[in-house]
């Protein structure tokens, strides 16, 4: 049973890392291009939407 628990934890961490990497890439591109179009709600992952709301 512990092995299955570790596997699930690893999967969850991998998913979180992927989301963070996507957010980082979006923010990095926005800074480089200074293009407000990149900040539309449709292109931001969940964490980005939360961050944008706190900045408003």
Protein backbone atom coordinates (compact mmCIF):
# COMPACT_ATOMS: atom_id res chain seq x y z
CA UNK A 1 0.00 0.00 0.00
CA UNK A 2 2.73 2.59 0.76
CA UNK A 3 4.06 2.17 -2.77
CA UNK A 4 0.71 3.16 -4.27
CA UNK A 5 0.55 6.18 -1.97
CA UNK A 6 4.02 7.30 -3.09
CA UNK A 7 3.08 6.80 -6.72
CA UNK A 8 0.03 9.05 -6.30
CA UNK A 9 2.11 11.68 -4.52
CA UNK A 10 4.66 11.65 -7.34
CA UNK A 11 1.90 12.00 -9.96
CA UNK A 12 0.40 14.94 -8.09
CA UNK A 13 3.79 16.65 -7.79
CA UNK A 14 4.48 16.06 -11.48
CA UNK A 15 1.16 17.69 -12.37
CA UNK A 16 1.89 20.67 -10.12
CA UNK A 17 5.33 21.06 -11.66
CA UNK A 18 3.87 20.97 -15.16
CA UNK A 19 1.36 23.69 -14.24
CA UNK A 20 4.10 25.84 -12.72
CA UNK A 21 6.27 25.42 -15.82
CA UNK A 22 3.38 26.44 -18.06
CA UNK A 23 2.67 29.50 -15.93
CA UNK A 24 6.35 30.43 -15.93
CA UNK A 25 6.53 30.19 -19.72
CA UNK A 26 3.42 32.34 -20.15
CA UNK A 27 4.69 35.00 -17.78
CA UNK A 28 8.16 34.98 -19.32
CA UNK A 29 6.70 35.45 -22.81
CA UNK A 30 4.44 38.24 -21.57
CA UNK A 31 7.39 40.08 -20.08
CA UNK A 32 9.46 39.67 -23.23
CA UNK A 33 6.72 40.72 -25.62
CA UNK A 34 4.91 43.14 -23.31
CA UNK A 35 1.72 42.09 -25.04
CA UNK A 36 -1.49 42.36 -23.03
CA UNK A 37 -3.14 39.85 -25.34
CA UNK A 38 -1.16 37.07 -23.67
CA UNK A 39 -2.88 37.84 -20.37
CA UNK A 40 -6.37 37.01 -21.56
CA UNK A 41 -8.28 34.75 -19.19
CA UNK A 42 -8.49 31.97 -21.77
CA UNK A 43 -4.74 31.36 -22.03
CA UNK A 44 -3.80 31.38 -18.35
CA UNK A 45 -3.75 28.21 -16.28
CA UNK A 46 -5.67 28.14 -13.01
CA UNK A 47 -2.82 29.61 -10.91
CA UNK A 48 -2.37 32.43 -13.39
CA UNK A 49 -6.02 33.37 -13.14
CA UNK A 50 -5.75 33.46 -9.35
CA UNK A 51 -2.61 35.61 -9.58
CA UNK A 52 -4.23 38.00 -12.03
CA UNK A 53 -7.26 38.43 -9.75
CA UNK A 54 -5.02 39.34 -6.81
CA UNK A 55 -3.20 41.92 -8.94
CA UNK A 56 -6.45 43.68 -9.99
